[in-house]
Protein backbone atom coordinates (compact mmCIF):
# COMPACT_ATOMS: atom_id res chain seq x y z
CA UNK A 1 1.01 -4.49 5.22
CA UNK A 2 3.70 -6.32 3.33
CA UNK A 3 6.36 -7.33 5.87
CA UNK A 4 8.69 -9.00 3.41
CA UNK A 5 12.32 -8.02 3.42
CA UNK A 6 13.01 -5.15 1.07
CA UNK A 7 16.65 -4.69 0.01
CA UNK A 8 15.96 -1.07 -0.96
CA UNK A 9 15.20 -0.17 2.66
CA UNK A 10 18.40 -1.79 3.86
CA UNK A 11 20.39 0.06 1.20
CA UNK A 12 18.80 3.37 2.22
CA UNK A 13 19.66 2.75 5.87
CA UNK A 14 23.25 1.87 4.99
CA UNK A 15 23.61 5.01 2.86
CA UNK A 16 22.23 7.09 5.74
CA UNK A 17 24.73 5.45 8.09
CA UNK A 18 27.52 6.21 5.62
CA UNK A 19 26.50 9.88 5.47
CA UNK A 20 26.43 10.11 9.26
CA UNK A 21 29.82 8.42 9.57
CA UNK A 22 31.53 10.67 7.04
CA UNK A 23 29.80 13.79 8.37
CA UNK A 24 30.81 13.02 11.94
CA UNK A 25 34.40 12.26 11.00
CA UNK A 26 37.00 14.67 12.31
CA UNK A 27 37.48 17.70 10.15
CA UNK A 28 41.07 17.95 11.29
CA UNK A 29 43.06 14.95 12.39
CA UNK A 30 44.75 16.47 15.44
CA UNK A 31 45.49 19.94 16.85
CA UNK A 32 46.62 22.76 14.62
CA UNK A 33 46.66 23.21 10.86
CA UNK A 34 49.37 20.61 10.24
CA UNK A 35 48.91 16.86 10.10
CA UNK A 36 51.74 14.34 9.80
CA UNK A 37 51.73 10.92 8.18
CA UNK A 38 52.85 8.56 9.64
CA UNK A 39 51.69 9.55 13.12
CA UNK A 40 54.38 7.26 14.55
CA UNK A 41 57.48 6.90 12.40
CA UNK A 42 58.81 3.34 12.50
CA UNK A 43 62.06 2.05 11.06
CA UNK A 44 63.63 -1.39 11.10
CA UNK A 45 66.73 -3.24 9.85
CA UNK A 46 64.88 -3.86 6.56
CA UNK A 47 63.41 -0.35 6.42
CA UNK A 48 66.24 2.07 7.08
CA UNK A 49 64.75 5.10 5.36
CA UNK A 50 61.19 6.41 5.47
CA UNK A 51 59.21 9.24 3.94
CA UNK A 52 57.37 11.62 6.25
CA UNK A 53 54.62 13.78 4.77
CA UNK A 54 53.50 17.01 6.45
CA UNK A 55 50.07 18.21 5.34
CA UNK A 56 48.82 21.79 5.54
CA UNK A 57 45.06 21.50 5.98
CA UNK A 58 44.45 25.23 6.15
CA UNK A 59 43.58 27.54 3.28
CA UNK A 60 46.69 29.74 3.58
CA UNK A 61 50.42 29.34 3.10
CA UNK A 62 52.05 28.17 6.35
CA UNK A 63 55.68 28.52 7.43
CA UNK A 64 57.32 25.47 8.95
CA UNK A 65 60.68 25.13 10.66
CA UNK A 66 62.59 24.53 13.90
CA UNK A 67 63.16 20.90 12.94
CA UNK A 68 64.91 18.81 15.58
CA UNK A 69 65.48 15.20 16.55
CA UNK A 70 65.25 14.60 20.28
CA UNK A 71 64.97 11.71 22.70
CA UNK A 72 67.21 8.93 24.03
CA UNK A 73 68.43 7.73 20.61
CA UNK A 74 68.19 10.95 18.63
CA UNK A 75 71.78 10.62 17.40
CA UNK A 76 70.96 7.38 15.57
CA UNK A 77 68.50 9.12 13.25
CA UNK A 78 69.22 11.77 10.63
CA UNK A 79 67.59 13.80 7.89
CA UNK A 80 68.60 12.48 4.47
CA UNK A 81 68.41 15.95 2.89
CA UNK A 82 69.45 18.76 5.25
CA UNK A 83 67.62 21.36 3.12
CA UNK A 84 64.27 20.86 4.84
CA UNK A 85 61.09 22.58 3.58
CA UNK A 86 60.39 26.00 5.09
CA UNK A 87 56.79 26.53 3.95
CA UNK A 88 53.78 24.53 2.81
CA UNK A 89 51.22 25.88 0.31
CA UNK A 90 47.54 25.95 1.23
CA UNK A 91 45.91 22.50 1.30
CA UNK A 92 49.14 20.93 0.12
CA UNK A 93 51.94 18.86 1.60
CA UNK A 94 55.72 18.47 1.67
CA UNK A 95 57.86 15.43 2.33
CA UNK A 96 61.13 14.79 4.09
CA UNK A 97 63.27 11.67 4.38
CA UNK A 98 64.42 10.22 7.68
CA UNK A 99 67.11 7.51 7.96
CA UNK A 100 68.49 5.36 10.78
CA UNK A 101 71.98 4.06 11.57
CA UNK A 102 71.30 0.44 12.46
CA UNK A 103 74.84 -0.10 13.78
CA UNK A 104 74.08 2.17 16.72
CA UNK A 105 71.47 -0.31 17.97
CA UNK A 106 73.70 -3.38 17.70
CA UNK A 107 75.06 -4.76 20.98
CA UNK A 108 78.39 -6.49 21.52
CA UNK A 109 76.87 -9.94 20.97
CA UNK A 110 75.46 -8.89 17.59
CA UNK A 111 71.79 -8.60 18.60
CA UNK A 112 69.72 -5.52 17.89
CA UNK A 113 67.74 -3.54 20.44
CA UNK A 114 64.75 -1.26 20.02
CA UNK A 115 65.21 2.50 20.13
CA UNK A 116 63.15 5.65 20.24
CA UNK A 117 63.35 9.36 19.59
CA UNK A 118 61.04 12.13 18.38
CA UNK A 119 60.77 14.51 15.45
CA UNK A 120 59.89 18.08 16.43
CA UNK A 121 58.96 21.04 14.26
CA UNK A 122 56.85 24.18 14.54
CA UNK A 123 54.49 26.24 12.42
CA UNK A 124 53.61 29.70 13.72
CA UNK A 125 52.47 29.16 17.31
CA UNK A 126 51.89 25.42 16.91
CA UNK A 127 54.50 22.87 17.93
CA UNK A 128 54.44 19.24 16.83
CA UNK A 129 56.19 16.16 18.19
CA UNK A 130 56.09 12.87 16.27
CA UNK A 131 57.40 9.65 17.88
CA UNK A 132 60.24 7.93 16.03
CA UNK A 133 60.75 4.22 16.78
CA UNK A 134 63.41 1.76 15.68
CA UNK A 135 61.89 -1.72 15.76
CA UNK A 136 64.50 -4.48 15.83
CA UNK A 137 62.02 -7.09 14.59
CA UNK A 138 58.66 -6.88 12.85
CA UNK A 139 55.54 -7.97 14.69
CA UNK A 140 55.36 -11.72 14.19
CA UNK A 141 52.46 -13.75 12.86
CA UNK A 142 51.56 -17.43 12.92
CA UNK A 143 53.04 -18.10 9.44
CA UNK A 144 51.52 -20.39 6.79
CA UNK A 145 52.17 -23.69 8.62
CA UNK A 146 51.02 -22.49 12.02
CA UNK A 147 48.04 -20.75 10.49
CA UNK A 148 47.15 -23.91 8.58
CA UNK A 149 47.13 -25.93 11.78
CA UNK A 150 45.01 -23.27 13.48
CA UNK A 151 42.54 -23.31 10.59
CA UNK A 152 42.36 -27.11 10.75
CA UNK A 153 41.45 -26.94 14.43
CA UNK A 154 38.71 -24.39 13.72
CA UNK A 155 37.38 -25.55 10.36
CA UNK A 156 36.71 -29.23 10.94
CA UNK A 157 34.74 -28.83 14.20
CA UNK A 158 32.65 -26.10 12.57
CA UNK A 159 31.91 -28.33 9.60
CA UNK A 160 31.10 -31.31 11.82
CA UNK A 161 28.64 -29.27 13.86
CA UNK A 162 27.01 -27.89 10.72
CA UNK A 163 26.78 -31.34 9.17
CA UNK A 164 25.26 -32.94 12.25
CA UNK A 165 22.78 -30.09 12.51
CA UNK A 166 21.58 -30.96 9.02
CA UNK A 167 21.10 -34.61 9.77
CA UNK A 168 24.45 -36.33 9.57
CA UNK A 169 23.94 -37.71 13.05
CA UNK A 170 21.46 -40.33 11.89
CA UNK A 171 20.94 -43.59 13.78
CA UNK A 172 21.85 -45.57 10.71
CA UNK A 173 24.78 -47.99 11.20
CA UNK A 174 26.75 -46.08 8.53
CA UNK A 175 25.99 -42.69 10.04
CA UNK A 176 29.67 -41.69 10.01
CA UNK A 177 30.08 -42.35 6.29
CA UNK A 178 30.95 -39.13 4.46
CA UNK A 179 30.93 -36.96 7.58
CA UNK A 180 34.58 -35.77 7.28
CA UNK A 181 34.13 -34.95 3.58
CA UNK A 182 30.92 -33.01 4.15
CA UNK A 183 32.47 -31.25 7.14
CA UNK A 184 35.44 -30.18 5.03
CA UNK A 185 33.14 -29.02 2.21
CA UNK A 186 30.99 -26.96 4.55
CA UNK A 187 33.97 -25.35 6.28
CA UNK A 188 36.35 -25.00 3.31
CA UNK A 189 35.09 -21.49 2.34
CA UNK A 190 36.86 -20.27 5.47
CA UNK A 191 40.13 -20.99 3.66
CA UNK A 192 39.18 -18.48 0.97
CA UNK A 193 38.11 -15.97 3.63
CA UNK A 194 41.62 -16.16 5.08
CA UNK A 195 43.11 -14.87 1.81
CA UNK A 196 40.72 -11.90 1.35
CA UNK A 197 41.81 -8.44 2.63
CA UNK A 198 39.21 -7.06 5.04
CA UNK A 199 40.54 -3.53 5.49
CA UNK A 200 43.52 -1.19 4.98
CA UNK A 201 45.53 -2.49 7.96
CA UNK A 202 45.45 -3.04 11.71
CA UNK A 203 47.48 -0.40 13.56
CA UNK A 204 47.85 -1.15 17.26
CA UNK A 205 46.46 1.54 19.55
CA UNK A 206 45.29 3.71 16.66
CA UNK A 207 41.64 2.72 16.19
CA UNK A 208 40.40 6.06 17.52
CA UNK A 209 42.78 8.16 15.41
CA UNK A 210 42.86 9.04 11.72
CA UNK A 211 45.64 7.05 10.06
CA UNK A 212 47.14 7.99 6.71
CA UNK A 213 48.34 5.77 3.86
CA UNK A 214 52.03 5.97 4.84
CA UNK A 215 51.33 4.71 8.35
CA UNK A 216 48.97 2.05 7.03
CA UNK A 217 51.75 0.85 4.73
CA UNK A 218 54.18 0.45 7.63
CA UNK A 219 51.48 -1.36 9.65
CA UNK A 220 51.06 -3.83 6.79
CA UNK A 221 54.81 -4.47 7.01
CA UNK A 222 54.41 -5.58 10.63
CA UNK A 223 55.70 -2.30 12.10
CA UNK A 224 53.16 -1.31 14.72
CA UNK A 225 50.41 -3.44 13.24
CA UNK A 226 49.61 -6.07 10.64
CA UNK A 227 47.63 -6.74 7.50
CA UNK A 228 43.91 -7.39 7.92
CA UNK A 229 44.15 -10.72 6.18
CA UNK A 230 44.35 -14.19 7.66
CA UNK A 231 46.99 -15.56 5.30
CA UNK A 232 49.29 -12.70 4.37
CA UNK A 233 52.16 -14.88 3.10
CA UNK A 234 53.01 -14.27 -0.53
CA UNK A 235 52.34 -14.80 -3.29
CA UNK A 236 48.72 -14.03 -2.42
CA UNK A 237 47.29 -15.07 -5.79
CA UNK A 238 48.78 -18.56 -5.44
CA UNK A 239 47.32 -19.06 -1.95
CA UNK A 240 43.93 -17.86 -3.21
CA UNK A 241 44.05 -20.35 -6.08
CA UNK A 242 44.91 -23.19 -3.68
CA UNK A 243 41.99 -22.21 -1.44
CA UNK A 244 39.59 -21.99 -4.42
CA UNK A 245 40.77 -25.38 -5.66
CA UNK A 246 40.18 -26.87 -2.20
CA UNK A 247 36.66 -25.43 -2.09
CA UNK A 248 35.89 -26.66 -5.61
CA UNK A 249 37.16 -30.18 -4.96
CA UNK A 250 35.53 -30.69 -1.56
CA UNK A 251 32.15 -29.19 -2.44
CA UNK A 252 31.97 -31.04 -5.77
CA UNK A 253 32.83 -34.45 -4.30
CA UNK A 254 30.48 -33.89 -1.37
CA UNK A 255 27.63 -32.84 -3.68
CA UNK A 256 28.20 -35.85 -5.94
CA UNK A 257 27.92 -38.14 -2.91
CA UNK A 258 24.47 -36.71 -2.12
CA UNK A 259 22.82 -37.62 -5.43
CA UNK A 260 22.52 -40.62 -7.71
CA UNK A 261 22.89 -38.51 -10.86
CA UNK A 262 25.81 -38.93 -13.22
CA UNK A 263 28.64 -36.97 -11.56
CA UNK A 264 30.62 -36.29 -14.75
CA UNK A 265 28.69 -33.14 -15.85
CA UNK A 266 28.91 -31.68 -12.34
CA UNK A 267 32.64 -32.40 -12.15
CA UNK A 268 33.14 -30.98 -15.65
CA UNK A 269 31.34 -27.73 -14.80
CA UNK A 270 33.34 -27.31 -11.59
CA UNK A 271 36.64 -27.93 -13.38
CA UNK A 272 35.74 -25.58 -16.22
CA UNK A 273 34.83 -22.85 -13.73
CA UNK A 274 38.10 -23.23 -11.82
CA UNK A 275 40.11 -23.20 -15.05
CA UNK A 276 38.30 -20.21 -16.55
CA UNK A 277 38.36 -18.18 -13.34
CA UNK A 278 42.07 -18.87 -12.88
CA UNK A 279 42.76 -17.25 -16.25
CA UNK A 280 40.35 -14.35 -15.61
CA UNK A 281 41.76 -13.57 -12.16
CA UNK A 282 45.33 -13.70 -13.42
CA UNK A 283 44.38 -11.35 -16.28
CA UNK A 284 42.69 -8.91 -13.88
CA UNK A 285 45.75 -9.04 -11.63
CA UNK A 286 48.02 -8.16 -14.54
CA UNK A 287 45.70 -5.37 -15.73
CA UNK A 288 45.58 -3.71 -12.30
CA UNK A 289 49.38 -4.04 -11.90
CA UNK A 290 49.60 -3.97 -8.07
CA UNK A 291 52.84 -3.09 -6.30
CA UNK A 292 53.35 -6.71 -5.21
CA UNK A 293 51.71 -10.11 -5.41
CA UNK A 294 49.79 -9.53 -2.17
CA UNK A 295 46.01 -9.31 -2.51
CA UNK A 296 46.01 -6.28 -0.19
CA UNK A 297 48.08 -4.46 -2.82
CA UNK A 298 45.57 -5.57 -5.46
CA UNK A 299 42.80 -3.82 -3.54
CA UNK A 300 44.91 -0.69 -3.05
CA UNK A 301 45.68 -0.64 -6.78
CA UNK A 302 41.95 -0.17 -7.37
CA UNK A 303 42.00 3.16 -5.49
CA UNK A 304 44.06 4.77 -8.24
CA UNK A 305 42.28 7.49 -10.16
CA UNK A 306 41.41 6.97 -13.81
CA UNK A 307 39.44 9.20 -16.25
CA UNK A 308 35.80 8.14 -16.53
CA UNK A 309 33.31 10.14 -18.64
CA UNK A 310 35.22 13.37 -18.14
CA UNK A 311 35.79 12.91 -14.39
CA UNK A 312 38.25 10.89 -12.36
CA UNK A 313 36.99 7.66 -10.86
CA UNK A 314 38.53 4.62 -9.17
CA UNK A 315 40.34 2.15 -11.40
CA UNK A 316 38.36 -0.86 -10.27
CA UNK A 317 38.85 -4.21 -11.92
CA UNK A 318 35.50 -3.80 -13.67
CA UNK A 319 36.87 -0.61 -15.28
CA UNK A 320 40.19 -2.16 -16.28
CA UNK A 321 38.58 -5.47 -17.35
CA UNK A 322 34.87 -4.96 -18.19
CA UNK A 323 34.72 -8.02 -20.44
CA UNK A 324 36.57 -10.04 -17.81
CA UNK A 325 33.98 -9.15 -15.16
CA UNK A 326 31.08 -10.11 -17.43
CA UNK A 327 32.73 -13.42 -18.28
CA UNK A 328 33.50 -14.11 -14.61
CA UNK A 329 29.89 -13.43 -13.63
CA UNK A 330 28.62 -15.60 -16.49
CA UNK A 331 31.01 -18.40 -15.61
CA UNK A 332 30.24 -18.45 -11.88
CA UNK A 333 26.48 -18.30 -12.48
CA UNK A 334 26.32 -20.57 -15.51
CA UNK A 335 28.40 -23.40 -14.07
CA UNK A 336 26.48 -23.77 -10.82
CA UNK A 337 24.99 -27.28 -10.94
CA UNK A 338 21.31 -28.12 -10.70
CA UNK A 339 19.86 -29.16 -7.36
CA UNK A 340 17.96 -32.45 -7.84
CA UNK A 341 14.45 -32.63 -6.46
CA UNK A 342 14.88 -36.11 -4.97
CA UNK A 343 18.51 -36.90 -4.13
CA UNK A 344 19.20 -40.09 -2.25
CA UNK A 345 21.77 -41.16 0.29
CA UNK A 346 21.43 -44.17 2.62
CA UNK A 347 22.08 -42.14 5.77
CA UNK A 348 19.93 -39.13 4.89
CA UNK A 349 16.36 -38.38 4.10
CA UNK A 350 15.74 -36.78 0.73
CA UNK A 351 14.76 -33.47 2.32
CA UNK A 352 17.91 -33.26 4.38
CA UNK A 353 20.08 -34.20 1.41
CA UNK A 354 18.42 -31.41 -0.59
CA UNK A 355 19.13 -28.98 2.26
CA UNK A 356 22.78 -30.00 2.23
CA UNK A 357 22.98 -29.54 -1.54
CA UNK A 358 21.44 -26.08 -1.25
CA UNK A 359 23.87 -25.18 1.53
CA UNK A 360 26.86 -26.30 -0.54
CA UNK A 361 25.54 -24.33 -3.51
CA UNK A 362 25.13 -21.13 -1.45
CA UNK A 363 28.56 -21.48 0.12
CA UNK A 364 30.12 -22.00 -3.29
CA UNK A 365 28.28 -18.98 -4.71
CA UNK A 366 29.33 -16.82 -1.74
CA UNK A 367 32.97 -17.80 -2.22
CA UNK A 368 33.04 -16.74 -5.85
CA UNK A 369 31.03 -13.58 -5.11
CA UNK A 370 33.67 -12.60 -2.54
CA UNK A 371 36.43 -13.14 -5.08
CA UNK A 372 34.63 -11.09 -7.74
CA UNK A 373 33.99 -8.26 -5.26
CA UNK A 374 37.68 -8.20 -4.34
CA UNK A 375 39.08 -8.35 -7.88
CA UNK A 376 36.54 -6.25 -9.78
CA UNK A 377 34.66 -3.98 -7.31
CA UNK A 378 37.47 -2.64 -5.15
CA UNK A 379 36.97 -4.93 -2.16
CA UNK A 380 36.60 -2.97 1.08
CA UNK A 381 37.41 0.41 -0.48
CA UNK A 382 34.88 3.19 -1.00
CA UNK A 383 35.66 5.84 -3.64
CA UNK A 384 36.56 9.30 -2.29
CA UNK A 385 36.22 8.06 1.31
CA UNK A 386 38.66 5.23 1.98
CA UNK A 387 42.30 6.10 2.57
CA UNK A 388 44.50 5.06 -0.30
CA UNK A 389 46.36 6.47 -3.24
CA UNK A 390 43.41 8.75 -4.02
CA UNK A 391 43.11 10.28 -0.52
CA UNK A 392 46.07 11.25 1.65
CA UNK A 393 44.26 12.74 4.65
CA UNK A 394 41.66 10.41 6.21
CA UNK A 395 38.10 11.54 6.80
CA UNK A 396 37.48 9.38 9.87
CA UNK A 397 39.22 7.38 12.60
CA UNK A 398 40.73 4.06 11.62
CA UNK A 399 38.19 2.04 13.63
CA UNK A 400 35.27 3.65 11.79
CA UNK A 401 36.97 3.08 8.46
CA UNK A 402 37.50 -0.61 9.26
CA UNK A 403 33.80 -1.08 10.07
CA UNK A 404 32.80 0.86 6.97
CA UNK A 405 35.09 -1.30 4.84
CA UNK A 406 33.44 -4.49 6.11
CA UNK A 407 29.99 -3.05 5.34
CA UNK A 408 31.08 -2.06 1.82
CA UNK A 409 32.57 -5.50 1.16
CA UNK A 410 29.39 -7.20 2.42
CA UNK A 411 27.23 -5.01 0.15
CA UNK A 412 29.41 -5.83 -2.86
CA UNK A 413 29.21 -9.55 -2.13
CA UNK A 414 25.44 -9.27 -1.79
CA UNK A 415 25.21 -7.40 -5.09
CA UNK A 416 27.23 -10.05 -6.92
CA UNK A 417 25.10 -12.80 -5.36
CA UNK A 418 21.90 -11.10 -6.53
CA UNK A 419 23.27 -10.68 -10.06
CA UNK A 420 24.47 -14.29 -10.08
CA UNK A 421 21.09 -15.61 -8.93
CA UNK A 422 19.21 -13.51 -11.50
CA UNK A 423 21.53 -14.65 -14.27
CA UNK A 424 21.26 -18.26 -13.16
CA UNK A 425 17.46 -18.02 -13.17
CA UNK A 426 17.48 -16.51 -16.64
CA UNK A 427 19.81 -19.23 -17.94
CA UNK A 428 17.61 -21.93 -16.41
CA UNK A 429 14.81 -20.91 -18.76
CA UNK A 430 16.94 -21.27 -21.89
CA UNK A 431 16.71 -24.35 -24.16
CA UNK A 432 20.27 -25.49 -23.30
CA UNK A 433 19.71 -25.50 -19.53
CA UNK A 434 20.92 -29.01 -18.71
CA UNK A 435 24.32 -29.61 -17.16
CA UNK A 436 25.68 -31.40 -20.23
CA UNK A 437 24.38 -28.72 -22.60
CA UNK A 438 25.86 -25.92 -20.47
CA UNK A 439 29.18 -27.73 -20.29
CA UNK A 440 29.34 -27.89 -24.08
CA UNK A 441 28.19 -24.27 -24.42
CA UNK A 442 30.84 -22.90 -22.06
CA UNK A 443 33.53 -25.02 -23.66
CA UNK A 444 32.56 -23.77 -27.11
CA UNK A 445 32.05 -20.05 -26.38
CA UNK A 446 33.04 -18.94 -22.88
CA UNK A 447 36.55 -20.41 -22.79
CA UNK A 448 37.54 -18.89 -26.18
CA UNK A 449 36.22 -15.51 -25.02
CA UNK A 450 38.27 -15.83 -21.83
CA UNK A 451 41.38 -16.43 -23.89
CA UNK A 452 40.48 -13.51 -26.17
CA UNK A 453 40.08 -11.31 -23.08
CA UNK A 454 43.81 -11.65 -22.47
CA UNK A 455 44.35 -9.57 -25.61
CA UNK A 456 42.65 -6.60 -23.91
CA UNK A 457 45.80 -6.20 -21.81
CA UNK A 458 47.48 -4.92 -24.96
CA UNK A 459 44.94 -2.13 -25.50
CA UNK A 460 43.70 -1.04 -22.02
């Protein structure tokens, strides 16, 4: 029996798991026919007014009323529009606006305190009570500088261990030569991972509950949670470009130090890829038109519905920029350098140097596959399942959705890697397969097409 790994079996198992997860998700998120988003209403000095959406999940018209604000600080909150909705159509929703008087939470010394109350309403025999919280300060994070220091403490030891495991700990007198550079090259993809959104948001204490898009948005603002991204400081596209440049520079220099071949073609291919991808990613960003420069908003922008073959589908980057995706895949696959059969380095055996070159190549390919999956394939989102602009009521608890999002992102990265490897293998059999020939080919054809792709923004 053939015991080789078969991707089709893994895909079938993952699809079965997805069906079980969505089938076992709660049919109704809470007791009664009504469901409120956000489940905990949070306001702050920078967020003095919020929208509350009440969903009617039943198939009949439902009355709603007996609105009241209660609790210790109920007098500091108010309804913006006193004419509150009195009924909700079947499988529909209504919204109301709630505002806070920040001055009521200011002490004599000028500092702000936290406050709490509750929003109550009723529908037929069902009564609902939603916590209302005034948060004087958003949940803090490490910030770019602190996060950079933390990454430095984690990245370099990881790279050193990986490098020594591949033979950098030789007994040669110059055994330490190149170790820091190789360590940085091996660990630098973690910098890119810190800029990639891994899920809708982290909401503290809500993993077992369904969480709607309004509450997820306030969690991303640091109110009761945080973004699921290591480096959330804006602008996200700039931080991603810095991380990609760091990966390109470190891996290219490290790879050049492992072979006696002329480094200029390898450096040229790496620079051309970084330049071309910078233009393609900026074009995709403009085409998707996210609400802000954060990469998490870029992923959410891909949950918008768009007409596709007579039905509505997600507006992924590949839909908004089909030519851009093809060029990005061609560029990332066609600029990957060759792996020499007999590289030399004084401190390494040829076999170990080849292993290091292959490792650097796989890490580099995985980095670009992650970027393509995020910009063109919707990242962690799953059409018709993930909470976003296309679905207001979640199908499953937040914890299940977070795990599902990671699985979806991993599958997309794997798909891009397979396509990249197949395309690279096909290009290797072409007449112009050398590094110099490919450099001239991409400079003559790919870069002009990338510039022409910008014109698609005027028509799509």
